[in-house]
């Protein structure tokens, strides 16, 4: 069957050079040279922020945060003094894209890793960014950093990630931005079929692959944590709320309460971004007051399944003061 013209198709990453430890690419791992630009609102960027936290790369890779509201000009540093990133000196992330390619005309997305000396984006390849932080930046990981992409489990992690990307991570967008009933219902059905399968998979195991947190958990969780606040209503993914799926809800709370996960989340910025930027879906720009958030800190009981969150490693310390998020509102 031909693609429905109403289907949503995500733009591919246009800047995809790699930063490697072996010197075979033109960009070499070098502490202090690069800046990771993210946004609290964005699930794709949230992955890289979590990985950076868990691996203790704060000293090696600085972090710039775009604000939650942007327009066709790109993500903007409207949370910083003077509306400019204090390291890059730019107001709009698009400036760093055009510093890399003056003719750049594709999507300006986060996360992006910027070469500070030149001011140009090296990569916005979000799936590769986290894998490279886990493997190419290993010499700069903190002592006790977990192995988030263990070699013996990579094939299984990759398989899970592919399915989760198609049906869940991108699936909520395929439902939310569908422009035909058939495209919407196809994405909706695939999303909830996959969530049901994940509910069963996680019924008897604490984490998706192995007995500790891996890249697979990070990729799934960034969608789950936004589900009830945004995707259930805004993207019409409303068969049920995450809080009505007992296993996935407990799994999501378990990770939320794990250092490096919940302490990267700002629900206010998440809601402000989706409900104010997506004017085609929410033309009024009204940001909903709910949902109630205190459930995220309630007991989850997942410890009974065993597992070691950080494997042979240790939890990360508290986030740097200037990277702390507001306390969870009731």
C-alpha atoms as a PDB file:
ATOM      1  CA  UNK A   1       0.000   0.000   0.000  1.00  0.00           C
ATOM      2  CA  UNK A   2       1.312   3.449  -0.930  1.00  0.00           C
ATOM      3  CA  UNK A   3       2.099   5.899   1.825  1.00  0.00           C
ATOM      4  CA  UNK A   4      -0.857   7.957   2.962  1.00  0.00           C
ATOM      5  CA  UNK A   5      -0.164  11.592   1.952  1.00  0.00           C
ATOM      6  CA  UNK A   6      -1.417  12.519   5.419  1.00  0.00           C
ATOM      7  CA  UNK A   7       1.459  10.711   7.154  1.00  0.00           C
ATOM      8  CA  UNK A   8       4.029  12.702   9.068  1.00  0.00           C
ATOM      9  CA  UNK A   9       7.648  12.151   8.006  1.00  0.00           C
ATOM     10  CA  UNK A  10      10.492  13.344  10.214  1.00  0.00           C
ATOM     11  CA  UNK A  11      13.233  15.265   8.439  1.00  0.00           C
ATOM     12  CA  UNK A  12      16.587  13.517   8.378  1.00  0.00           C
ATOM     13  CA  UNK A  13      19.600  14.903  10.235  1.00  0.00           C
ATOM     14  CA  UNK A  14      21.586  17.055   7.805  1.00  0.00           C
ATOM     15  CA  UNK A  15      24.752  17.635   9.863  1.00  0.00           C
ATOM     16  CA  UNK A  16      26.015  14.232  10.886  1.00  0.00           C
ATOM     17  CA  UNK A  17      29.765  14.336  11.254  1.00  0.00           C
ATOM     18  CA  UNK A  18      31.119  12.377  14.200  1.00  0.00           C
ATOM     19  CA  UNK A  19      33.425  13.373  17.037  1.00  0.00           C
ATOM     20  CA  UNK A  20      35.713  10.395  17.594  1.00  0.00           C
ATOM     21  CA  UNK A  21      38.496   9.317  19.884  1.00  0.00           C
ATOM     22  CA  UNK A  22      40.647   7.662  17.203  1.00  0.00           C
ATOM     23  CA  UNK A  23      41.384  10.803  15.180  1.00  0.00           C
ATOM     24  CA  UNK A  24      40.006   9.274  11.983  1.00  0.00           C
ATOM     25  CA  UNK A  25      37.338  11.941  11.616  1.00  0.00           C
ATOM     26  CA  UNK A  26      38.135  15.634  11.309  1.00  0.00           C
ATOM     27  CA  UNK A  27      36.557  16.175  14.741  1.00  0.00           C
ATOM     28  CA  UNK A  28      38.437  14.646  17.667  1.00  0.00           C
ATOM     29  CA  UNK A  29      37.223  14.246  21.226  1.00  0.00           C
ATOM     30  CA  UNK A  30      38.692  17.167  23.138  1.00  0.00           C
ATOM     31  CA  UNK A  31      37.410  18.260  26.557  1.00  0.00           C
ATOM     32  CA  UNK A  32      36.272  21.874  26.589  1.00  0.00           C
ATOM     33  CA  UNK A  33      36.167  22.272  22.818  1.00  0.00           C
ATOM     34  CA  UNK A  34      32.500  21.486  22.194  1.00  0.00           C
ATOM     35  CA  UNK A  35      29.173  22.642  23.576  1.00  0.00           C
ATOM     36  CA  UNK A  36      26.076  20.477  23.698  1.00  0.00           C
ATOM     37  CA  UNK A  37      23.001  22.580  22.937  1.00  0.00           C
ATOM     38  CA  UNK A  38      19.769  21.076  24.202  1.00  0.00           C
ATOM     39  CA  UNK A  39      16.319  22.153  25.425  1.00  0.00           C
ATOM     40  CA  UNK A  40      14.379  20.887  28.433  1.00  0.00           C
ATOM     41  CA  UNK A  41      11.281  20.670  26.278  1.00  0.00           C
ATOM     42  CA  UNK A  42      12.636  18.300  23.639  1.00  0.00           C
ATOM     43  CA  UNK A  43      12.680  14.509  24.125  1.00  0.00           C
ATOM     44  CA  UNK A  44      15.432  13.988  21.542  1.00  0.00           C
ATOM     45  CA  UNK A  45      17.639  16.492  23.378  1.00  0.00           C
ATOM     46  CA  UNK A  46      16.647  15.085  26.769  1.00  0.00           C
ATOM     47  CA  UNK A  47      18.372  11.815  25.820  1.00  0.00           C
ATOM     48  CA  UNK A  48      21.727  13.548  25.441  1.00  0.00           C
ATOM     49  CA  UNK A  49      21.319  15.490  28.695  1.00  0.00           C
ATOM     50  CA  UNK A  50      20.591  12.277  30.618  1.00  0.00           C
ATOM     51  CA  UNK A  51      23.556  10.439  29.097  1.00  0.00           C
ATOM     52  CA  UNK A  52      25.884  13.360  29.814  1.00  0.00           C
ATOM     53  CA  UNK A  53      24.678  13.369  33.447  1.00  0.00           C
ATOM     54  CA  UNK A  54      24.968   9.617  33.966  1.00  0.00           C
ATOM     55  CA  UNK A  55      28.463   9.497  32.478  1.00  0.00           C
ATOM     56  CA  UNK A  56      29.699  12.564  34.347  1.00  0.00           C
ATOM     57  CA  UNK A  57      30.745  14.467  31.237  1.00  0.00           C
ATOM     58  CA  UNK A  58      29.863  17.885  32.651  1.00  0.00           C
ATOM     59  CA  UNK A  59      33.554  18.796  32.975  1.00  0.00           C
ATOM     60  CA  UNK A  60      34.323  17.783  29.389  1.00  0.00           C
ATOM     61  CA  UNK A  61      31.271  18.954  27.449  1.00  0.00           C
ATOM     62  CA  UNK A  62      29.528  22.185  28.401  1.00  0.00           C
ATOM     63  CA  UNK A  63      25.758  22.515  28.138  1.00  0.00           C
ATOM     64  CA  UNK A  64      23.730  25.299  26.567  1.00  0.00           C
ATOM     65  CA  UNK A  65      19.956  25.397  27.007  1.00  0.00           C
ATOM     66  CA  UNK A  66      17.607  26.882  24.463  1.00  0.00           C
ATOM     67  CA  UNK A  67      14.293  28.042  25.841  1.00  0.00           C
ATOM     68  CA  UNK A  68      10.978  26.275  25.214  1.00  0.00           C
ATOM     69  CA  UNK A  69       9.443  28.785  22.783  1.00  0.00           C
ATOM     70  CA  UNK A  70      10.728  29.351  19.276  1.00  0.00           C
ATOM     71  CA  UNK A  71       9.494  30.265  15.824  1.00  0.00           C
ATOM     72  CA  UNK A  72      10.518  29.620  12.242  1.00  0.00           C
ATOM     73  CA  UNK A  73      13.891  31.265  12.919  1.00  0.00           C
ATOM     74  CA  UNK A  74      14.945  28.400  15.219  1.00  0.00           C
ATOM     75  CA  UNK A  75      15.396  27.570  18.864  1.00  0.00           C
ATOM     76  CA  UNK A  76      16.344  30.689  20.832  1.00  0.00           C
ATOM     77  CA  UNK A  77      18.431  31.259  23.960  1.00  0.00           C
ATOM     78  CA  UNK A  78      15.731  33.328  25.622  1.00  0.00           C
ATOM     79  CA  UNK A  79      16.463  31.944  29.104  1.00  0.00           C
ATOM     80  CA  UNK A  80      19.977  33.420  29.175  1.00  0.00           C
ATOM     81  CA  UNK A  81      20.918  37.005  30.127  1.00  0.00           C
ATOM     82  CA  UNK A  82      20.569  39.232  27.103  1.00  0.00           C
ATOM     83  CA  UNK A  83      18.894  36.376  25.217  1.00  0.00           C
ATOM     84  CA  UNK A  84      22.309  35.048  24.200  1.00  0.00           C
ATOM     85  CA  UNK A  85      24.137  31.829  24.943  1.00  0.00           C
ATOM     86  CA  UNK A  86      26.959  32.868  27.310  1.00  0.00           C
ATOM     87  CA  UNK A  87      29.570  30.698  25.582  1.00  0.00           C
ATOM     88  CA  UNK A  88      28.599  30.881  21.918  1.00  0.00           C
ATOM     89  CA  UNK A  89      27.404  34.494  22.065  1.00  0.00           C
ATOM     90  CA  UNK A  90      24.442  33.821  19.784  1.00  0.00           C
ATOM     91  CA  UNK A  91      20.724  34.495  20.179  1.00  0.00           C
ATOM     92  CA  UNK A  92      19.398  31.882  17.766  1.00  0.00           C
ATOM     93  CA  UNK A  93      20.700  28.326  17.355  1.00  0.00           C
ATOM     94  CA  UNK A  94      20.289  28.805  13.622  1.00  0.00           C
ATOM     95  CA  UNK A  95      23.337  31.074  13.732  1.00  0.00           C
ATOM     96  CA  UNK A  96      25.504  28.073  14.672  1.00  0.00           C
ATOM     97  CA  UNK A  97      23.994  26.002  11.864  1.00  0.00           C
ATOM     98  CA  UNK A  98      24.794  28.705   9.333  1.00  0.00           C
ATOM     99  CA  UNK A  99      28.293  29.079  10.765  1.00  0.00           C
ATOM    100  CA  UNK A 100      28.811  25.458   9.740  1.00  0.00           C
ATOM    101  CA  UNK A 101      27.014  25.843   6.402  1.00  0.00           C
ATOM    102  CA  UNK A 102      26.041  29.328   5.157  1.00  0.00           C
ATOM    103  CA  UNK A 103      23.495  27.743   2.813  1.00  0.00           C
ATOM    104  CA  UNK A 104      21.888  25.541   5.487  1.00  0.00           C
ATOM    105  CA  UNK A 105      18.135  25.477   4.870  1.00  0.00           C
ATOM    106  CA  UNK A 106      16.898  22.334   6.657  1.00  0.00           C
ATOM    107  CA  UNK A 107      15.430  21.914  10.127  1.00  0.00           C
ATOM    108  CA  UNK A 108      17.276  23.518  13.035  1.00  0.00           C
ATOM    109  CA  UNK A 109      17.021  20.966  15.802  1.00  0.00           C
ATOM    110  CA  UNK A 110      18.291  20.070  19.244  1.00  0.00           C
ATOM    111  CA  UNK A 111      20.410  18.383  20.388  1.00  0.00           C
ATOM    112  CA  UNK A 112      23.310  19.837  18.483  1.00  0.00           C
ATOM    113  CA  UNK A 113      26.997  19.737  19.315  1.00  0.00           C
ATOM    114  CA  UNK A 114      28.768  22.968  18.433  1.00  0.00           C
ATOM    115  CA  UNK A 115      32.496  23.489  17.918  1.00  0.00           C
ATOM    116  CA  UNK A 116      33.115  26.478  20.193  1.00  0.00           C
ATOM    117  CA  UNK A 117      36.189  27.909  18.377  1.00  0.00           C
ATOM    118  CA  UNK A 118      34.414  28.090  15.019  1.00  0.00           C
ATOM    119  CA  UNK A 119      30.876  28.528  16.370  1.00  0.00           C
ATOM    120  CA  UNK A 120      29.571  25.938  13.903  1.00  0.00           C
ATOM    121  CA  UNK A 121      27.418  22.869  14.480  1.00  0.00           C
ATOM    122  CA  UNK A 122      29.315  19.623  14.078  1.00  0.00           C
ATOM    123  CA  UNK A 123      26.348  17.268  14.398  1.00  0.00           C
ATOM    124  CA  UNK A 124      22.636  17.178  15.092  1.00  0.00           C
ATOM    125  CA  UNK A 125      22.493  13.405  14.635  1.00  0.00           C
ATOM    126  CA  UNK A 126      20.659  12.696  17.893  1.00  0.00           C
ATOM    127  CA  UNK A 127      20.760   8.868  17.747  1.00  0.00           C
ATOM    128  CA  UNK A 128      24.507   8.916  17.146  1.00  0.00           C
ATOM    129  CA  UNK A 129      25.263  11.664  19.663  1.00  0.00           C
ATOM    130  CA  UNK A 130      24.366   9.550  22.710  1.00  0.00           C
ATOM    131  CA  UNK A 131      26.070   6.421  21.377  1.00  0.00           C
ATOM    132  CA  UNK A 132      29.260   8.395  20.774  1.00  0.00           C
ATOM    133  CA  UNK A 133      29.119   9.979  24.228  1.00  0.00           C
ATOM    134  CA  UNK A 134      28.936   6.425  25.584  1.00  0.00           C
ATOM    135  CA  UNK A 135      31.769   5.004  23.480  1.00  0.00           C
ATOM    136  CA  UNK A 136      34.026   7.682  21.936  1.00  0.00           C
ATOM    137  CA  UNK A 137      34.127   9.859  25.078  1.00  0.00           C
ATOM    138  CA  UNK A 138      34.896   6.953  27.414  1.00  0.00           C
ATOM    139  CA  UNK A 139      38.277   8.340  28.514  1.00  0.00           C
ATOM    140  CA  UNK A 140      36.452  11.297  30.049  1.00  0.00           C
ATOM    141  CA  UNK A 141      33.661   9.430  31.829  1.00  0.00           C
ATOM    142  CA  UNK A 142      33.465   9.894  35.578  1.00  0.00           C
ATOM    143  CA  UNK A 143      34.784   7.179  37.823  1.00  0.00           C
ATOM    144  CA  UNK A 144      31.912   4.760  38.375  1.00  0.00           C
ATOM    145  CA  UNK A 145      30.087   5.714  35.177  1.00  0.00           C
ATOM    146  CA  UNK A 146      27.671   2.989  34.036  1.00  0.00           C
ATOM    147  CA  UNK A 147      28.076   1.180  30.735  1.00  0.00           C
ATOM    148  CA  UNK A 148      24.940   2.295  28.916  1.00  0.00           C
ATOM    149  CA  UNK A 149      25.758   0.468  25.679  1.00  0.00           C
ATOM    150  CA  UNK A 150      27.481  -2.788  26.715  1.00  0.00           C
ATOM    151  CA  UNK A 151      28.958  -4.604  23.750  1.00  0.00           C
ATOM    152  CA  UNK A 152      27.360  -8.019  24.439  1.00  0.00           C
ATOM    153  CA  UNK A 153      23.887  -6.427  24.510  1.00  0.00           C
ATOM    154  CA  UNK A 154      24.186  -4.006  21.601  1.00  0.00           C
ATOM    155  CA  UNK A 155      22.278  -6.084  19.058  1.00  0.00           C
ATOM    156  CA  UNK A 156      19.327  -6.453  21.433  1.00  0.00           C
ATOM    157  CA  UNK A 157      19.464  -2.779  22.423  1.00  0.00           C
ATOM    158  CA  UNK A 158      19.512  -1.735  18.755  1.00  0.00           C
ATOM    159  CA  UNK A 159      16.539  -3.969  17.962  1.00  0.00           C
ATOM    160  CA  UNK A 160      14.485  -2.541  20.830  1.00  0.00           C
ATOM    161  CA  UNK A 161      15.500   1.002  19.898  1.00  0.00           C
ATOM    162  CA  UNK A 162      14.399   0.581  16.288  1.00  0.00           C
ATOM    163  CA  UNK A 163      10.925  -0.600  17.305  1.00  0.00           C
ATOM    164  CA  UNK A 164      10.542   2.017  20.029  1.00  0.00           C
ATOM    165  CA  UNK A 165      11.650   4.789  17.677  1.00  0.00           C
ATOM    166  CA  UNK A 166       9.167   3.900  14.961  1.00  0.00           C
ATOM    167  CA  UNK A 167       6.123   3.187  17.104  1.00  0.00           C
ATOM    168  CA  UNK A 168       6.667   5.267  20.269  1.00  0.00           C
ATOM    169  CA  UNK A 169       9.310   8.029  20.065  1.00  0.00           C
ATOM    170  CA  UNK A 170       8.308   9.076  16.559  1.00  0.00           C
ATOM    171  CA  UNK A 171       4.935   7.355  16.793  1.00  0.00           C
ATOM    172  CA  UNK A 172       3.442  10.059  19.013  1.00  0.00           C
ATOM    173  CA  UNK A 173       4.496  12.657  16.428  1.00  0.00           C
ATOM    174  CA  UNK A 174       3.092  10.543  13.601  1.00  0.00           C
ATOM    175  CA  UNK A 175      -0.238  10.595  15.421  1.00  0.00           C
ATOM    176  CA  UNK A 176      -0.078  14.241  16.468  1.00  0.00           C
ATOM    177  CA  UNK A 177       0.962  15.660  13.096  1.00  0.00           C
ATOM    178  CA  UNK A 178      -1.051  13.317  10.872  1.00  0.00           C
ATOM    179  CA  UNK A 179      -3.192  15.202   8.388  1.00  0.00           C
ATOM    180  CA  UNK A 180      -5.545  12.362   7.490  1.00  0.00           C
ATOM    181  CA  UNK A 181      -7.739  10.109   9.605  1.00  0.00           C
ATOM    182  CA  UNK A 182      -6.151   6.966   8.206  1.00  0.00           C
ATOM    183  CA  UNK A 183      -2.604   8.136   8.934  1.00  0.00           C
ATOM    184  CA  UNK A 184      -3.577   9.147  12.464  1.00  0.00           C
ATOM    185  CA  UNK A 185      -5.308   5.858  13.233  1.00  0.00           C
ATOM    186  CA  UNK A 186      -2.402   3.840  11.841  1.00  0.00           C
ATOM    187  CA  UNK A 187       0.074   5.658  14.073  1.00  0.00           C
ATOM    188  CA  UNK A 188      -2.298   5.458  17.051  1.00  0.00           C
ATOM    189  CA  UNK A 189      -2.769   1.700  16.656  1.00  0.00           C
ATOM    190  CA  UNK A 190       0.975   1.054  16.273  1.00  0.00           C
ATOM    191  CA  UNK A 191       1.754   3.218  19.309  1.00  0.00           C
ATOM    192  CA  UNK A 192      -0.581   1.428  21.671  1.00  0.00           C
ATOM    193  CA  UNK A 193       0.259  -2.013  20.313  1.00  0.00           C
ATOM    194  CA  UNK A 194       3.917  -1.273  21.092  1.00  0.00           C
ATOM    195  CA  UNK A 195       3.120   0.147  24.539  1.00  0.00           C
ATOM    196  CA  UNK A 196       1.095  -2.992  25.317  1.00  0.00           C
ATOM    197  CA  UNK A 197       4.045  -5.161  24.266  1.00  0.00           C
ATOM    198  CA  UNK A 198       6.424  -3.108  26.419  1.00  0.00           C
ATOM    199  CA  UNK A 199       4.017  -3.407  29.341  1.00  0.00           C
ATOM    200  CA  UNK A 200       4.298  -7.189  29.038  1.00  0.00           C
ATOM    201  CA  UNK A 201       8.069  -7.163  28.557  1.00  0.00           C
ATOM    202  CA  UNK A 202       8.617  -5.072  31.675  1.00  0.00           C
ATOM    203  CA  UNK A 203       6.201  -7.023  33.842  1.00  0.00           C
ATOM    204  CA  UNK A 204       8.933  -9.428  34.943  1.00  0.00           C
ATOM    205  CA  UNK A 205      12.101  -7.409  34.327  1.00  0.00           C
ATOM    206  CA  UNK A 206      13.135  -4.050  35.738  1.00  0.00           C
ATOM    207  CA  UNK A 207      14.878  -2.731  32.615  1.00  0.00           C
ATOM    208  CA  UNK A 208      14.433  -3.313  28.904  1.00  0.00           C
ATOM    209  CA  UNK A 209      17.725  -5.116  28.232  1.00  0.00           C
ATOM    210  CA  UNK A 210      19.872  -6.824  30.859  1.00  0.00           C
ATOM    211  CA  UNK A 211      19.655  -6.029  34.553  1.00  0.00           C
ATOM    212  CA  UNK A 212      20.719  -2.366  34.486  1.00  0.00           C
ATOM    213  CA  UNK A 213      19.884   0.874  32.713  1.00  0.00           C
ATOM    214  CA  UNK A 214      20.939   1.043  29.076  1.00  0.00           C
ATOM    215  CA  UNK A 215      20.502   3.350  26.103  1.00  0.00           C
ATOM    216  CA  UNK A 216      17.210   1.543  25.417  1.00  0.00           C
ATOM    217  CA  UNK A 217      15.662   2.691  28.696  1.00  0.00           C
ATOM    218  CA  UNK A 218      16.752   6.277  28.116  1.00  0.00           C
ATOM    219  CA  UNK A 219      15.200   6.386  24.650  1.00  0.00           C
ATOM    220  CA  UNK A 220      11.867   4.977  25.784  1.00  0.00           C
ATOM    221  CA  UNK A 221      11.666   6.989  28.984  1.00  0.00           C
ATOM    222  CA  UNK A 222      11.942  10.451  27.402  1.00  0.00           C
ATOM    223  CA  UNK A 223       8.663   9.757  25.594  1.00  0.00           C
ATOM    224  CA  UNK A 224       6.941   8.167  28.576  1.00  0.00           C
ATOM    225  CA  UNK A 225       7.733  11.093  30.874  1.00  0.00           C
ATOM    226  CA  UNK A 226       5.992  13.491  28.445  1.00  0.00           C
ATOM    227  CA  UNK A 227       3.058  11.224  27.692  1.00  0.00           C
ATOM    228  CA  UNK A 228       0.340  12.388  30.079  1.00  0.00           C
ATOM    229  CA  UNK A 229       1.444  16.033  30.092  1.00  0.00           C
ATOM    230  CA  UNK A 230       1.524  16.387  26.307  1.00  0.00           C
ATOM    231  CA  UNK A 231       1.004  13.409  24.029  1.00  0.00           C
ATOM    232  CA  UNK A 232      -2.237  12.093  25.548  1.00  0.00           C
ATOM    233  CA  UNK A 233      -4.168  15.290  24.807  1.00  0.00           C
ATOM    234  CA  UNK A 234      -2.125  17.468  22.465  1.00  0.00           C
ATOM    235  CA  UNK A 235      -1.217  14.625  20.087  1.00  0.00           C
ATOM    236  CA  UNK A 236      -4.517  12.730  20.518  1.00  0.00           C
ATOM    237  CA  UNK A 237      -2.780   9.617  21.911  1.00  0.00           C
ATOM    238  CA  UNK A 238      -5.713   9.131  24.207  1.00  0.00           C
ATOM    239  CA  UNK A 239      -6.636   5.462  24.448  1.00  0.00           C
ATOM    240  CA  UNK A 240      -5.374   5.742  27.995  1.00  0.00           C
ATOM    241  CA  UNK A 241      -2.914   7.707  30.073  1.00  0.00           C
ATOM    242  CA  UNK A 242       0.475   6.334  31.048  1.00  0.00           C
ATOM    243  CA  UNK A 243      -0.773   6.439  34.646  1.00  0.00           C
ATOM    244  CA  UNK A 244      -3.409   3.883  33.606  1.00  0.00           C
ATOM    245  CA  UNK A 245      -0.822   1.331  32.443  1.00  0.00           C
ATOM    246  CA  UNK A 246       0.403  -0.073  35.766  1.00  0.00           C
ATOM    247  CA  UNK A 247       3.690  -1.611  34.612  1.00  0.00           C
ATOM    248  CA  UNK A 248       4.876   1.225  32.374  1.00  0.00           C
ATOM    249  CA  UNK A 249       3.762   3.803  34.942  1.00  0.00           C
ATOM    250  CA  UNK A 250       5.783   2.075  37.684  1.00  0.00           C
ATOM    251  CA  UNK A 251       8.757   1.689  35.318  1.00  0.00           C
ATOM    252  CA  UNK A 252       8.614   5.383  34.382  1.00  0.00           C
ATOM    253  CA  UNK A 253       8.419   6.419  38.056  1.00  0.00           C
ATOM    254  CA  UNK A 254      11.333   4.140  38.918  1.00  0.00           C
ATOM    255  CA  UNK A 255      13.521   5.926  36.373  1.00  0.00           C
ATOM    256  CA  UNK A 256      12.148   9.370  37.263  1.00  0.00           C
ATOM    257  CA  UNK A 257      13.338   8.774  40.826  1.00  0.00           C
ATOM    258  CA  UNK A 258      16.766   7.593  39.622  1.00  0.00           C
ATOM    259  CA  UNK A 259      19.511  10.269  39.660  1.00  0.00           C
ATOM    260  CA  UNK A 260      20.083  11.573  36.156  1.00  0.00           C
ATOM    261  CA  UNK A 261      16.490  11.185  34.961  1.00  0.00           C
ATOM    262  CA  UNK A 262      13.878  13.161  36.879  1.00  0.00           C
ATOM    263  CA  UNK A 263      16.439  15.828  37.695  1.00  0.00           C
ATOM    264  CA  UNK A 264      16.588  16.719  33.983  1.00  0.00           C
ATOM    265  CA  UNK A 265      12.834  17.312  33.635  1.00  0.00           C
ATOM    266  CA  UNK A 266      11.022  20.645  33.652  1.00  0.00           C
ATOM    267  CA  UNK A 267       7.336  19.958  33.019  1.00  0.00           C
ATOM    268  CA  UNK A 268       6.604  23.672  32.738  1.00  0.00           C
ATOM    269  CA  UNK A 269       8.974  24.070  29.805  1.00  0.00           C
ATOM    270  CA  UNK A 270       7.736  20.847  28.231  1.00  0.00           C
ATOM    271  CA  UNK A 271       4.120  22.009  28.217  1.00  0.00           C
ATOM    272  CA  UNK A 272       4.968  25.568  27.189  1.00  0.00           C
ATOM    273  CA  UNK A 273       6.869  24.321  24.150  1.00  0.00           C
ATOM    274  CA  UNK A 274       4.298  21.912  22.768  1.00  0.00           C
ATOM    275  CA  UNK A 275       1.200  23.972  23.441  1.00  0.00           C
ATOM    276  CA  UNK A 276       2.613  27.357  22.373  1.00  0.00           C
ATOM    277  CA  UNK A 277       4.806  26.379  19.422  1.00  0.00           C
ATOM    278  CA  UNK A 278       2.476  23.925  17.664  1.00  0.00           C
ATOM    279  CA  UNK A 279      -0.073  26.522  16.648  1.00  0.00           C
ATOM    280  CA  UNK A 280      -1.463  24.313  13.908  1.00  0.00           C
ATOM    281  CA  UNK A 281      -2.647  21.886  16.592  1.00  0.00           C
ATOM    282  CA  UNK A 282      -3.328  24.371  19.405  1.00  0.00           C
ATOM    283  CA  UNK A 283      -4.073  27.737  17.748  1.00  0.00           C
ATOM    284  CA  UNK A 284      -5.132  29.385  21.004  1.00  0.00           C
ATOM    285  CA  UNK A 285      -1.696  28.863  22.537  1.00  0.00           C
ATOM    286  CA  UNK A 286      -3.321  28.072  25.874  1.00  0.00           C
ATOM    287  CA  UNK A 287      -1.103  25.891  28.061  1.00  0.00           C
ATOM    288  CA  UNK A 288      -3.068  23.421  30.209  1.00  0.00           C
ATOM    289  CA  UNK A 289      -2.761  23.685  33.978  1.00  0.00           C
ATOM    290  CA  UNK A 290      -2.595  19.905  34.522  1.00  0.00           C
ATOM    291  CA  UNK A 291      -1.877  17.142  34.939  1.00  0.00           C
ATOM    292  CA  UNK A 292      -1.210  16.757  38.627  1.00  0.00           C
ATOM    293  CA  UNK A 293       2.445  15.738  39.051  1.00  0.00           C
ATOM    294  CA  UNK A 294       2.897  14.416  42.583  1.00  0.00           C
ATOM    295  CA  UNK A 295       2.393  10.826  41.411  1.00  0.00           C
ATOM    296  CA  UNK A 296       5.898  10.850  39.927  1.00  0.00           C
ATOM    297  CA  UNK A 297       7.405  10.653  43.405  1.00  0.00           C
ATOM    298  CA  UNK A 298       5.163   7.883  44.784  1.00  0.00           C
ATOM    299  CA  UNK A 299       6.598   4.394  45.539  1.00  0.00           C
ATOM    300  CA  UNK A 300       6.936   2.217  42.437  1.00  0.00           C
ATOM    301  CA  UNK A 301       7.837  -1.190  43.892  1.00  0.00           C
ATOM    302  CA  UNK A 302      10.139  -2.073  40.999  1.00  0.00           C
ATOM    303  CA  UNK A 303      13.016  -2.944  43.340  1.00  0.00           C
ATOM    304  CA  UNK A 304      11.316  -6.307  43.876  1.00  0.00           C
ATOM    305  CA  UNK A 305      12.324  -7.275  40.338  1.00  0.00           C
ATOM    306  CA  UNK A 306      16.011  -6.979  41.247  1.00  0.00           C
ATOM    307  CA  UNK A 307      18.412  -5.376  38.844  1.00  0.00           C
ATOM    308  CA  UNK A 308      21.119  -2.827  39.529  1.00  0.00           C
ATOM    309  CA  UNK A 309      20.349   0.600  38.067  1.00  0.00           C
ATOM    310  CA  UNK A 310      23.994   1.459  37.350  1.00  0.00           C
ATOM    311  CA  UNK A 311      25.384  -2.050  36.938  1.00  0.00           C
ATOM    312  CA  UNK A 312      28.895  -2.144  38.365  1.00  0.00           C
ATOM    313  CA  UNK A 313      28.936   1.659  38.491  1.00  0.00           C
ATOM    314  CA  UNK A 314      27.572   4.271  40.851  1.00  0.00           C
ATOM    315  CA  UNK A 315      24.903   6.991  40.716  1.00  0.00           C
ATOM    316  CA  UNK A 316      25.902  10.415  39.421  1.00  0.00           C
ATOM    317  CA  UNK A 317      26.231  13.246  41.879  1.00  0.00           C
ATOM    318  CA  UNK A 318      23.795  16.161  41.997  1.00  0.00           C
ATOM    319  CA  UNK A 319      23.590  18.281  38.847  1.00  0.00           C
ATOM    320  CA  UNK A 320      25.631  21.490  38.755  1.00  0.00           C
ATOM    321  CA  UNK A 321      23.743  24.361  40.389  1.00  0.00           C
ATOM    322  CA  UNK A 322      23.312  26.186  37.092  1.00  0.00           C
ATOM    323  CA  UNK A 323      21.807  23.061  35.499  1.00  0.00           C
ATOM    324  CA  UNK A 324      19.278  22.262  38.260  1.00  0.00           C
ATOM    325  CA  UNK A 325      15.596  22.130  37.314  1.00  0.00           C
ATOM    326  CA  UNK A 326      12.763  23.593  39.422  1.00  0.00           C
ATOM    327  CA  UNK A 327      11.370  21.290  42.114  1.00  0.00           C
ATOM    328  CA  UNK A 328       8.393  19.195  41.047  1.00  0.00           C
ATOM    329  CA  UNK A 329       5.175  21.152  41.483  1.00  0.00           C
ATOM    330  CA  UNK A 330       2.196  19.480  43.111  1.00  0.00           C
END
